[in-house]
Protein backbone atom coordinates (compact mmCIF):
# COMPACT_ATOMS: atom_id res chain seq x y z
CA UNK A 1 -13.97 27.51 12.28
CA UNK A 2 -16.62 29.38 14.18
CA UNK A 3 -19.75 28.04 12.52
CA UNK A 4 -21.95 30.76 13.98
CA UNK A 5 -22.51 33.21 11.15
CA UNK A 6 -20.67 31.08 8.59
CA UNK A 7 -22.22 31.08 5.12
CA UNK A 8 -22.91 27.53 3.92
CA UNK A 9 -24.31 26.18 0.66
CA UNK A 10 -25.42 22.54 0.62
CA UNK A 11 -26.32 20.67 -2.56
CA UNK A 12 -28.94 17.95 -2.43
CA UNK A 13 -30.21 19.57 0.74
CA UNK A 14 -33.93 18.88 0.37
CA UNK A 15 -33.80 15.50 2.10
CA UNK A 16 -31.61 12.81 3.62
CA UNK A 17 -28.03 13.57 4.57
CA UNK A 18 -28.09 17.02 2.97
CA UNK A 19 -31.14 18.04 4.97
CA UNK A 20 -29.54 16.70 8.14
CA UNK A 21 -26.39 18.74 7.53
CA UNK A 22 -28.43 21.88 6.87
CA UNK A 23 -30.41 21.35 10.05
CA UNK A 24 -27.24 20.86 12.13
CA UNK A 25 -25.54 23.95 10.70
CA UNK A 26 -28.63 26.10 11.26
CA UNK A 27 -28.67 24.92 14.89
CA UNK A 28 -25.09 26.16 15.20
CA UNK A 29 -26.04 29.59 13.92
CA UNK A 30 -24.80 29.26 10.35
CA UNK A 31 -26.42 31.11 7.47
CA UNK A 32 -27.51 28.29 5.20
CA UNK A 33 -28.94 27.76 1.74
CA UNK A 34 -29.78 24.43 0.16
CA UNK A 35 -29.82 23.54 -3.52
CA UNK A 36 -32.06 20.91 -5.09
CA UNK A 37 -33.67 19.90 -8.37
CA UNK A 38 -37.18 19.10 -7.14
CA UNK A 39 -39.03 22.37 -6.52
CA UNK A 40 -41.69 20.79 -4.31
CA UNK A 41 -39.21 19.01 -2.02
CA UNK A 42 -36.98 22.07 -1.95
CA UNK A 43 -39.84 24.33 -0.93
CA UNK A 44 -40.93 21.94 1.84
CA UNK A 45 -37.40 21.75 3.26
CA UNK A 46 -36.90 25.50 3.07
CA UNK A 47 -40.18 26.15 4.86
CA UNK A 48 -39.33 23.69 7.62
CA UNK A 49 -35.78 24.92 8.18
CA UNK A 50 -36.46 28.61 7.63
CA UNK A 51 -33.58 29.03 5.20
CA UNK A 52 -32.89 29.97 1.58
CA UNK A 53 -33.52 27.53 -1.29
CA UNK A 54 -31.91 27.56 -4.72
CA UNK A 55 -33.41 25.36 -7.40
CA UNK A 56 -30.96 23.83 -9.85
CA UNK A 57 -29.24 20.75 -11.20
CA UNK A 58 -25.55 20.51 -10.24
CA UNK A 59 -24.79 18.55 -13.41
CA UNK A 60 -25.74 21.57 -15.55
CA UNK A 61 -22.92 24.10 -15.76
CA UNK A 62 -25.25 27.08 -16.01
CA UNK A 63 -27.16 25.95 -12.91
CA UNK A 64 -23.97 25.45 -10.89
CA UNK A 65 -22.66 28.86 -11.89
CA UNK A 66 -25.97 30.56 -11.18
CA UNK A 67 -26.39 28.85 -7.80
CA UNK A 68 -23.01 29.93 -6.43
CA UNK A 69 -23.34 33.40 -7.92
CA UNK A 70 -26.78 33.85 -6.38
CA UNK A 71 -25.58 32.56 -3.03
CA UNK A 72 -22.55 34.85 -2.95
CA UNK A 73 -24.65 37.86 -3.96
CA UNK A 74 -27.32 37.27 -1.33
CA UNK A 75 -25.00 36.19 1.51
CA UNK A 76 -22.05 38.44 0.73
CA UNK A 77 -19.66 35.53 0.22
CA UNK A 78 -19.31 31.82 0.88
CA UNK A 79 -17.47 30.00 3.68
CA UNK A 80 -18.65 26.40 3.29
CA UNK A 81 -19.68 24.28 0.33
CA UNK A 82 -21.06 20.81 0.98
CA UNK A 83 -21.16 18.73 -2.20
CA UNK A 84 -23.87 16.29 -1.16
CA UNK A 85 -26.01 15.92 -4.30
CA UNK A 86 -25.80 12.40 -5.65
CA UNK A 87 -27.68 9.22 -6.48
CA UNK A 88 -27.05 5.61 -7.40
CA UNK A 89 -27.70 3.15 -10.19
CA UNK A 90 -26.95 -0.53 -9.66
CA UNK A 91 -26.70 -3.24 -12.32
CA UNK A 92 -24.35 -6.06 -13.35
CA UNK A 93 -21.73 -5.09 -15.90
CA UNK A 94 -23.32 -7.26 -18.59
CA UNK A 95 -26.61 -5.39 -18.16
CA UNK A 96 -25.17 -1.89 -17.75
CA UNK A 97 -27.20 0.89 -19.36
CA UNK A 98 -24.90 3.61 -20.69
CA UNK A 99 -27.33 6.48 -20.15
CA UNK A 100 -27.97 5.49 -16.54
CA UNK A 101 -24.24 5.04 -15.96
CA UNK A 102 -23.38 8.45 -17.38
CA UNK A 103 -26.20 10.15 -15.46
CA UNK A 104 -24.67 8.97 -12.16
CA UNK A 105 -21.27 10.37 -13.13
CA UNK A 106 -22.86 13.60 -14.37
CA UNK A 107 -24.24 14.35 -10.90
CA UNK A 108 -21.83 12.58 -8.54
CA UNK A 109 -18.61 13.59 -10.32
CA UNK A 110 -19.14 16.38 -12.86
CA UNK A 111 -21.70 18.12 -10.65
CA UNK A 112 -19.34 18.07 -7.69
CA UNK A 113 -16.57 19.46 -9.88
CA UNK A 114 -18.73 22.28 -11.23
CA UNK A 115 -19.93 23.35 -7.79
CA UNK A 116 -16.45 22.93 -6.33
CA UNK A 117 -14.91 25.01 -9.10
CA UNK A 118 -17.33 27.89 -8.65
CA UNK A 119 -16.96 27.95 -4.86
CA UNK A 120 -13.18 27.51 -4.99
CA UNK A 121 -12.80 30.66 -7.07
CA UNK A 122 -14.24 32.62 -4.14
CA UNK A 123 -12.29 30.63 -1.54
CA UNK A 124 -9.02 31.41 -3.30
CA UNK A 125 -9.81 35.14 -3.49
CA UNK A 126 -10.67 35.35 0.19
CA UNK A 127 -7.88 32.95 1.28
CA UNK A 128 -10.28 30.83 3.35
CA UNK A 129 -13.07 28.29 3.05
CA UNK A 130 -14.19 24.73 3.64
CA UNK A 131 -15.14 22.35 0.83
CA UNK A 132 -16.75 19.10 1.95
CA UNK A 133 -17.46 16.26 -0.46
CA UNK A 134 -19.95 13.63 0.66
CA UNK A 135 -18.76 10.32 -0.71
CA UNK A 136 -19.49 6.81 0.59
CA UNK A 137 -17.77 3.73 1.92
CA UNK A 138 -18.62 2.44 -1.56
CA UNK A 139 -15.86 4.77 -2.70
CA UNK A 140 -13.38 2.75 -0.65
CA UNK A 141 -14.42 -0.74 -1.70
CA UNK A 142 -16.44 -1.83 -4.72
CA UNK A 143 -19.03 -4.56 -4.84
CA UNK A 144 -21.30 -6.47 -7.16
CA UNK A 145 -23.60 -4.32 -9.34
CA UNK A 146 -21.97 -1.12 -8.02
CA UNK A 147 -19.88 -0.13 -11.04
CA UNK A 148 -21.66 3.19 -11.56
CA UNK A 149 -22.09 4.26 -7.95
CA UNK A 150 -18.77 3.00 -6.57
CA UNK A 151 -16.97 4.19 -9.68
CA UNK A 152 -18.36 7.69 -9.20
CA UNK A 153 -17.39 7.77 -5.54
CA UNK A 154 -13.87 6.51 -6.26
CA UNK A 155 -13.61 9.36 -8.79
CA UNK A 156 -14.89 11.87 -6.23
CA UNK A 157 -12.25 10.69 -3.77
CA UNK A 158 -9.53 11.20 -6.37
CA UNK A 159 -10.76 14.69 -7.21
CA UNK A 160 -10.89 15.57 -3.53
CA UNK A 161 -7.21 14.70 -3.15
CA UNK A 162 -6.36 16.90 -6.13
CA UNK A 163 -8.37 19.85 -4.83
CA UNK A 164 -6.82 19.48 -1.38
CA UNK A 165 -3.34 19.76 -2.88
CA UNK A 166 -4.33 22.80 -4.92
CA UNK A 167 -6.26 24.69 -2.25
CA UNK A 168 -4.28 24.13 0.95
CA UNK A 169 -1.88 26.97 0.06
CA UNK A 170 -4.95 29.25 0.10
CA UNK A 171 -6.01 28.14 3.61
CA UNK A 172 -8.92 26.14 2.18
CA UNK A 173 -9.80 22.93 3.98
CA UNK A 174 -10.97 20.17 1.63
CA UNK A 175 -12.59 17.19 3.33
CA UNK A 176 -14.08 13.89 2.20
CA UNK A 177 -16.79 12.13 4.20
CA UNK A 178 -17.56 8.44 3.68
CA UNK A 179 -20.86 7.44 5.29
CA UNK A 180 -21.72 3.76 5.46
CA UNK A 181 -25.39 2.75 5.25
CA UNK A 182 -27.63 5.61 6.36
CA UNK A 183 -31.39 5.41 6.79
CA UNK A 184 -32.61 7.80 4.10
CA UNK A 185 -34.68 7.61 0.93
CA UNK A 186 -31.65 6.43 -1.08
CA UNK A 187 -32.77 2.80 -1.31
CA UNK A 188 -36.35 3.64 -2.26
CA UNK A 189 -35.08 5.73 -5.18
CA UNK A 190 -33.23 2.75 -6.64
CA UNK A 191 -36.21 0.46 -6.18
CA UNK A 192 -34.94 -1.40 -3.12
CA UNK A 193 -36.36 -1.75 0.36
CA UNK A 194 -34.09 -0.77 3.23
CA UNK A 195 -34.37 -2.68 6.47
CA UNK A 196 -34.76 0.00 9.12
CA UNK A 197 -33.25 -0.37 12.57
CA UNK A 198 -32.66 1.85 15.61
CA UNK A 199 -29.06 0.63 15.45
CA UNK A 200 -28.37 1.93 11.95
CA UNK A 201 -27.03 5.38 11.13
CA UNK A 202 -29.28 8.36 10.59
CA UNK A 203 -28.48 11.59 8.74
CA UNK A 204 -27.97 13.20 12.16
CA UNK A 205 -24.82 11.17 12.85
CA UNK A 206 -23.24 12.22 9.57
CA UNK A 207 -24.17 15.84 10.22
CA UNK A 208 -22.76 15.75 13.75
CA UNK A 209 -19.45 14.38 12.46
CA UNK A 210 -19.24 17.15 9.86
CA UNK A 211 -20.00 19.84 12.43
CA UNK A 212 -17.23 18.46 14.62
CA UNK A 213 -14.77 18.49 11.72
CA UNK A 214 -15.67 22.05 10.81
CA UNK A 215 -15.29 23.31 14.36
CA UNK A 216 -11.63 22.33 14.57
CA UNK A 217 -9.49 25.46 14.61
CA UNK A 218 -8.67 26.54 11.07
CA UNK A 219 -4.99 25.74 11.55
CA UNK A 220 -5.90 22.05 11.25
CA UNK A 221 -8.42 19.82 9.48
CA UNK A 222 -9.46 16.20 8.97
CA UNK A 223 -8.74 15.32 5.32
CA UNK A 224 -11.02 12.27 5.22
CA UNK A 225 -13.16 10.24 7.57
CA UNK A 226 -15.70 7.43 7.47
CA UNK A 227 -18.76 7.04 9.66
CA UNK A 228 -19.98 3.55 10.52
CA UNK A 229 -22.79 2.29 12.73
CA UNK A 230 -21.33 0.82 15.91
CA UNK A 231 -23.35 -2.39 15.71
CA UNK A 232 -26.04 -2.36 13.01
CA UNK A 233 -26.77 -6.09 13.32
């Protein structure tokens, strides 16, 4: 894909990995919009990147529909959807809070499905497109207290495989990205302190990997890849 001029919508693009992806695509000449729930953070990111912002919650069907419709109307179509919006909740099984558990799935799984569905309808009509789901290495191997987060990412991986099978006949490339630990605000949001290090991954490494995957000629694609720090210790 020639990224220059490509029309890309990124969910959860106000900060972290989503912001990094938006920044990298803009640098390549893409026409980018980011979607986010927090109006203040969204506005700050939009101002800094010089791009379009769409406020909305991916877990709400009406917001997902409106976001893709607005994007397609303003950009004249859609070439790339990056399903990046997501968050975590961590607790032992015996202490699991149902509402917290379901909220994670609502965004990480249902939200990805809703956005993917809306974008895929356009991809199928135009017989082209790239749908990228941002998962996690937690979607490859579970761990203690990670039932909600890992469970949601395992589900996202399964959905990605289904969408790939459905959309390949329409020349749509469906990719799954599994970042390992990245230095973002993720840990602070779940009430944990992340140990920062110049050796650990930044959002820029994830974004660079995605740009590389997108730039492969459209006759081929990378179905799934993980990104690890070389030596984070």
